[in-house]
């Protein structure tokens, strides 16, 4: 079994009294479990989750091809980002900004180079906060503008899915 970290969107579930959201990785739970794998998530800003998956390499590769799923090209929290290409580091920076963090927050924490940091550093930054969702029945929308909430800690997520 292999490990993979992903950034995954949330989707709308409408088969209930009122619409809710769920992590899109749940659409692949049966395929992951069929191979003895598992996954866990931490909701973050921007209607996304950081997801750690344990599954065969072929399943991780297939998940990486799912539209909206973005695999982070490091597998261990203490892996350095120094060997990532400038393009990949820019992608991570842009993903953080697209989540809703400001350039000022990003620069304050990382300066101008994510390459000097580890996967743990970046994931912990992404999981600093999220917004409580609310349903607006007048517009039939789930809006993410509620109070700031804590995210599941990255170390907790890491411990929940191991390479066993």
C-alpha atoms as a PDB file:
ATOM      1  CA  UNK A   1       0.000   0.000   0.000  1.00  0.00           C
ATOM      2  CA  UNK A   2       1.057   3.529  -0.685  1.00  0.00           C
ATOM      3  CA  UNK A   3       0.122   6.879   0.830  1.00  0.00           C
ATOM      4  CA  UNK A   4      -1.061   9.963  -1.025  1.00  0.00           C
ATOM      5  CA  UNK A   5      -2.094  13.443   0.087  1.00  0.00           C
ATOM      6  CA  UNK A   6      -4.783  15.199  -1.946  1.00  0.00           C
ATOM      7  CA  UNK A   7      -6.664  18.473  -2.037  1.00  0.00           C
ATOM      8  CA  UNK A   8     -10.246  17.544  -2.843  1.00  0.00           C
ATOM      9  CA  UNK A   9     -13.399  19.620  -3.323  1.00  0.00           C
ATOM     10  CA  UNK A  10     -16.633  19.276  -1.442  1.00  0.00           C
ATOM     11  CA  UNK A  11     -19.771  18.316  -3.336  1.00  0.00           C
ATOM     12  CA  UNK A  12     -23.420  18.964  -2.723  1.00  0.00           C
ATOM     13  CA  UNK A  13     -25.603  16.130  -1.447  1.00  0.00           C
ATOM     14  CA  UNK A  14     -29.298  16.731  -2.104  1.00  0.00           C
ATOM     15  CA  UNK A  15     -30.931  13.473  -1.025  1.00  0.00           C
ATOM     16  CA  UNK A  16     -31.824  14.889   2.366  1.00  0.00           C
ATOM     17  CA  UNK A  17     -34.391  17.287   3.725  1.00  0.00           C
ATOM     18  CA  UNK A  18     -32.011  20.111   2.986  1.00  0.00           C
ATOM     19  CA  UNK A  19     -28.799  20.023   0.972  1.00  0.00           C
ATOM     20  CA  UNK A  20     -25.507  19.291   2.687  1.00  0.00           C
ATOM     21  CA  UNK A  21     -21.893  18.975   1.592  1.00  0.00           C
ATOM     22  CA  UNK A  22     -19.541  16.020   1.590  1.00  0.00           C
ATOM     23  CA  UNK A  23     -15.931  15.427   0.686  1.00  0.00           C
ATOM     24  CA  UNK A  24     -15.790  14.199  -2.920  1.00  0.00           C
ATOM     25  CA  UNK A  25     -13.307  11.481  -1.897  1.00  0.00           C
ATOM     26  CA  UNK A  26     -16.342   9.692  -0.457  1.00  0.00           C
ATOM     27  CA  UNK A  27     -17.392   8.896  -4.037  1.00  0.00           C
ATOM     28  CA  UNK A  28     -14.358   6.557  -4.167  1.00  0.00           C
ATOM     29  CA  UNK A  29     -14.606   4.984  -0.713  1.00  0.00           C
ATOM     30  CA  UNK A  30     -15.760   1.608  -2.037  1.00  0.00           C
ATOM     31  CA  UNK A  31     -12.859   1.372  -4.517  1.00  0.00           C
ATOM     32  CA  UNK A  32     -10.342   2.343  -1.832  1.00  0.00           C
ATOM     33  CA  UNK A  33     -11.761  -0.111   0.717  1.00  0.00           C
ATOM     34  CA  UNK A  34     -11.985  -2.906  -1.867  1.00  0.00           C
ATOM     35  CA  UNK A  35      -8.184  -2.935  -1.839  1.00  0.00           C
ATOM     36  CA  UNK A  36      -7.900  -2.709   1.948  1.00  0.00           C
ATOM     37  CA  UNK A  37      -7.263   1.031   1.896  1.00  0.00           C
ATOM     38  CA  UNK A  38      -8.711   3.938   3.786  1.00  0.00           C
ATOM     39  CA  UNK A  39      -8.821   7.720   3.838  1.00  0.00           C
ATOM     40  CA  UNK A  40      -9.404  10.616   6.223  1.00  0.00           C
ATOM     41  CA  UNK A  41     -10.012  14.315   5.710  1.00  0.00           C
ATOM     42  CA  UNK A  42      -9.591  17.741   7.228  1.00  0.00           C
ATOM     43  CA  UNK A  43     -11.923  20.397   5.878  1.00  0.00           C
ATOM     44  CA  UNK A  44     -10.106  23.631   5.045  1.00  0.00           C
ATOM     45  CA  UNK A  45     -10.995  26.978   3.478  1.00  0.00           C
ATOM     46  CA  UNK A  46     -12.347  27.268  -0.039  1.00  0.00           C
ATOM     47  CA  UNK A  47     -14.819  24.362  -0.005  1.00  0.00           C
ATOM     48  CA  UNK A  48     -11.916  21.897   0.053  1.00  0.00           C
ATOM     49  CA  UNK A  49     -10.446  19.159   2.180  1.00  0.00           C
ATOM     50  CA  UNK A  50      -6.938  17.896   2.699  1.00  0.00           C
ATOM     51  CA  UNK A  51      -7.248  14.135   2.357  1.00  0.00           C
ATOM     52  CA  UNK A  52      -4.757  11.410   3.218  1.00  0.00           C
ATOM     53  CA  UNK A  53      -5.327   8.129   1.387  1.00  0.00           C
ATOM     54  CA  UNK A  54      -3.799   4.691   1.820  1.00  0.00           C
ATOM     55  CA  UNK A  55      -4.343   2.575  -1.284  1.00  0.00           C
ATOM     56  CA  UNK A  56      -2.449   0.699  -3.990  1.00  0.00           C
ATOM     57  CA  UNK A  57      -0.349   2.890  -6.284  1.00  0.00           C
ATOM     58  CA  UNK A  58      -2.754   2.276  -9.177  1.00  0.00           C
ATOM     59  CA  UNK A  59      -5.714   3.538  -7.134  1.00  0.00           C
ATOM     60  CA  UNK A  60      -3.797   6.668  -6.071  1.00  0.00           C
ATOM     61  CA  UNK A  61      -2.914   7.306  -9.727  1.00  0.00           C
ATOM     62  CA  UNK A  62      -6.567   6.920 -10.729  1.00  0.00           C
ATOM     63  CA  UNK A  63      -7.639   9.342  -7.980  1.00  0.00           C
ATOM     64  CA  UNK A  64      -5.119  11.863  -9.273  1.00  0.00           C
ATOM     65  CA  UNK A  65      -6.937  11.771 -12.617  1.00  0.00           C
ATOM     66  CA  UNK A  66     -10.319  12.671 -11.077  1.00  0.00           C
ATOM     67  CA  UNK A  67     -11.302  16.216 -12.098  1.00  0.00           C
ATOM     68  CA  UNK A  68     -10.863  18.558  -9.149  1.00  0.00           C
ATOM     69  CA  UNK A  69      -8.602  16.178  -7.206  1.00  0.00           C
ATOM     70  CA  UNK A  70      -5.055  17.446  -6.791  1.00  0.00           C
ATOM     71  CA  UNK A  71      -2.392  15.123  -5.473  1.00  0.00           C
ATOM     72  CA  UNK A  72       0.372  16.746  -3.494  1.00  0.00           C
ATOM     73  CA  UNK A  73       3.655  15.298  -4.784  1.00  0.00           C
ATOM     74  CA  UNK A  74       5.005  14.395  -1.333  1.00  0.00           C
ATOM     75  CA  UNK A  75       3.965  11.500   0.874  1.00  0.00           C
ATOM     76  CA  UNK A  76       5.434  12.119   4.326  1.00  0.00           C
ATOM     77  CA  UNK A  77       4.848  15.126   6.550  1.00  0.00           C
ATOM     78  CA  UNK A  78       8.550  15.733   7.102  1.00  0.00           C
ATOM     79  CA  UNK A  79       9.387  15.595   3.367  1.00  0.00           C
ATOM     80  CA  UNK A  80      11.115  18.759   2.251  1.00  0.00           C
ATOM     81  CA  UNK A  81       9.570  20.739  -0.591  1.00  0.00           C
ATOM     82  CA  UNK A  82      13.024  21.884  -1.751  1.00  0.00           C
ATOM     83  CA  UNK A  83      13.238  19.359  -4.577  1.00  0.00           C
ATOM     84  CA  UNK A  84       9.872  20.326  -6.083  1.00  0.00           C
ATOM     85  CA  UNK A  85      10.040  22.295  -9.288  1.00  0.00           C
ATOM     86  CA  UNK A  86       9.275  25.990  -9.209  1.00  0.00           C
ATOM     87  CA  UNK A  87       6.095  25.192 -11.160  1.00  0.00           C
ATOM     88  CA  UNK A  88       4.857  22.771  -8.488  1.00  0.00           C
ATOM     89  CA  UNK A  89       5.710  25.178  -5.670  1.00  0.00           C
ATOM     90  CA  UNK A  90       3.844  27.924  -7.547  1.00  0.00           C
ATOM     91  CA  UNK A  91       0.867  25.581  -7.895  1.00  0.00           C
ATOM     92  CA  UNK A  92       0.855  25.016  -4.111  1.00  0.00           C
ATOM     93  CA  UNK A  93       1.102  28.768  -3.505  1.00  0.00           C
ATOM     94  CA  UNK A  94      -1.761  29.431  -5.925  1.00  0.00           C
ATOM     95  CA  UNK A  95      -3.878  26.715  -4.301  1.00  0.00           C
ATOM     96  CA  UNK A  96      -3.382  28.338  -0.889  1.00  0.00           C
ATOM     97  CA  UNK A  97      -4.381  31.717  -2.291  1.00  0.00           C
ATOM     98  CA  UNK A  98      -7.408  30.214  -4.057  1.00  0.00           C
ATOM     99  CA  UNK A  99      -8.527  28.698  -0.738  1.00  0.00           C
ATOM    100  CA  UNK A 100      -8.914  32.219   0.612  1.00  0.00           C
ATOM    101  CA  UNK A 101      -5.641  32.981   2.343  1.00  0.00           C
ATOM    102  CA  UNK A 102      -4.074  36.326   1.493  1.00  0.00           C
ATOM    103  CA  UNK A 103      -0.686  36.876  -0.088  1.00  0.00           C
ATOM    104  CA  UNK A 104       0.290  38.732   3.073  1.00  0.00           C
ATOM    105  CA  UNK A 105      -0.527  35.706   5.253  1.00  0.00           C
ATOM    106  CA  UNK A 106       1.386  33.468   2.891  1.00  0.00           C
ATOM    107  CA  UNK A 107       4.458  35.704   2.784  1.00  0.00           C
ATOM    108  CA  UNK A 108       4.406  36.231   6.541  1.00  0.00           C
ATOM    109  CA  UNK A 109       4.581  32.472   7.094  1.00  0.00           C
ATOM    110  CA  UNK A 110       6.755  31.320   4.173  1.00  0.00           C
ATOM    111  CA  UNK A 111       8.469  34.339   2.697  1.00  0.00           C
ATOM    112  CA  UNK A 112       8.745  33.927  -1.050  1.00  0.00           C
ATOM    113  CA  UNK A 113       9.789  30.273  -1.239  1.00  0.00           C
ATOM    114  CA  UNK A 114       7.846  27.223  -0.112  1.00  0.00           C
ATOM    115  CA  UNK A 115      10.938  25.175  -0.979  1.00  0.00           C
ATOM    116  CA  UNK A 116      12.503  26.014   2.374  1.00  0.00           C
ATOM    117  CA  UNK A 117       9.693  24.175   4.191  1.00  0.00           C
ATOM    118  CA  UNK A 118       8.201  20.708   4.649  1.00  0.00           C
ATOM    119  CA  UNK A 119       4.902  19.188   3.616  1.00  0.00           C
ATOM    120  CA  UNK A 120       3.849  19.409   7.281  1.00  0.00           C
ATOM    121  CA  UNK A 121       4.476  23.164   7.315  1.00  0.00           C
ATOM    122  CA  UNK A 122       2.340  23.766   4.224  1.00  0.00           C
ATOM    123  CA  UNK A 123      -0.503  21.436   5.219  1.00  0.00           C
ATOM    124  CA  UNK A 124      -0.657  22.910   8.730  1.00  0.00           C
ATOM    125  CA  UNK A 125      -0.888  26.369   7.187  1.00  0.00           C
ATOM    126  CA  UNK A 126      -3.716  25.247   4.883  1.00  0.00           C
ATOM    127  CA  UNK A 127      -5.528  23.752   7.879  1.00  0.00           C
ATOM    128  CA  UNK A 128      -5.411  26.881  10.044  1.00  0.00           C
ATOM    129  CA  UNK A 129      -9.083  27.671   9.625  1.00  0.00           C
ATOM    130  CA  UNK A 130     -12.266  27.086   7.718  1.00  0.00           C
ATOM    131  CA  UNK A 131     -15.674  28.754   7.517  1.00  0.00           C
ATOM    132  CA  UNK A 132     -18.881  27.279   8.854  1.00  0.00           C
ATOM    133  CA  UNK A 133     -21.264  26.565   5.963  1.00  0.00           C
ATOM    134  CA  UNK A 134     -24.888  27.627   5.923  1.00  0.00           C
ATOM    135  CA  UNK A 135     -27.767  26.823   3.623  1.00  0.00           C
ATOM    136  CA  UNK A 136     -29.737  29.682   2.086  1.00  0.00           C
ATOM    137  CA  UNK A 137     -33.136  28.265   1.051  1.00  0.00           C
ATOM    138  CA  UNK A 138     -34.066  31.445  -0.831  1.00  0.00           C
ATOM    139  CA  UNK A 139     -31.224  30.912  -3.326  1.00  0.00           C
ATOM    140  CA  UNK A 140     -30.808  27.141  -2.771  1.00  0.00           C
ATOM    141  CA  UNK A 141     -27.084  27.666  -2.104  1.00  0.00           C
ATOM    142  CA  UNK A 142     -24.656  26.419   0.489  1.00  0.00           C
ATOM    143  CA  UNK A 143     -22.589  29.456   1.430  1.00  0.00           C
ATOM    144  CA  UNK A 144     -19.249  29.344   3.221  1.00  0.00           C
ATOM    145  CA  UNK A 145     -19.269  32.662   5.027  1.00  0.00           C
ATOM    146  CA  UNK A 146     -19.995  31.616   8.582  1.00  0.00           C
ATOM    147  CA  UNK A 147     -17.868  31.874  11.665  1.00  0.00           C
ATOM    148  CA  UNK A 148     -14.237  30.763  11.615  1.00  0.00           C
ATOM    149  CA  UNK A 149     -13.841  27.164  12.747  1.00  0.00           C
ATOM    150  CA  UNK A 150     -10.901  24.954  13.572  1.00  0.00           C
ATOM    151  CA  UNK A 151      -9.772  22.275  11.164  1.00  0.00           C
ATOM    152  CA  UNK A 152      -8.821  18.723  12.018  1.00  0.00           C
ATOM    153  CA  UNK A 153      -5.148  18.792  12.918  1.00  0.00           C
ATOM    154  CA  UNK A 154      -2.791  17.461  10.266  1.00  0.00           C
ATOM    155  CA  UNK A 155      -0.986  15.242  12.778  1.00  0.00           C
ATOM    156  CA  UNK A 156      -4.344  13.688  13.713  1.00  0.00           C
ATOM    157  CA  UNK A 157      -5.120  13.086  10.055  1.00  0.00           C
ATOM    158  CA  UNK A 158      -1.663  11.611   9.518  1.00  0.00           C
ATOM    159  CA  UNK A 159      -2.096   9.226  12.470  1.00  0.00           C
ATOM    160  CA  UNK A 160      -5.551   8.125  11.260  1.00  0.00           C
ATOM    161  CA  UNK A 161      -4.220   6.778   7.957  1.00  0.00           C
ATOM    162  CA  UNK A 162      -1.025   4.796   8.203  1.00  0.00           C
ATOM    163  CA  UNK A 163       0.844   2.581   5.768  1.00  0.00           C
ATOM    164  CA  UNK A 164       0.081  -0.644   7.702  1.00  0.00           C
END
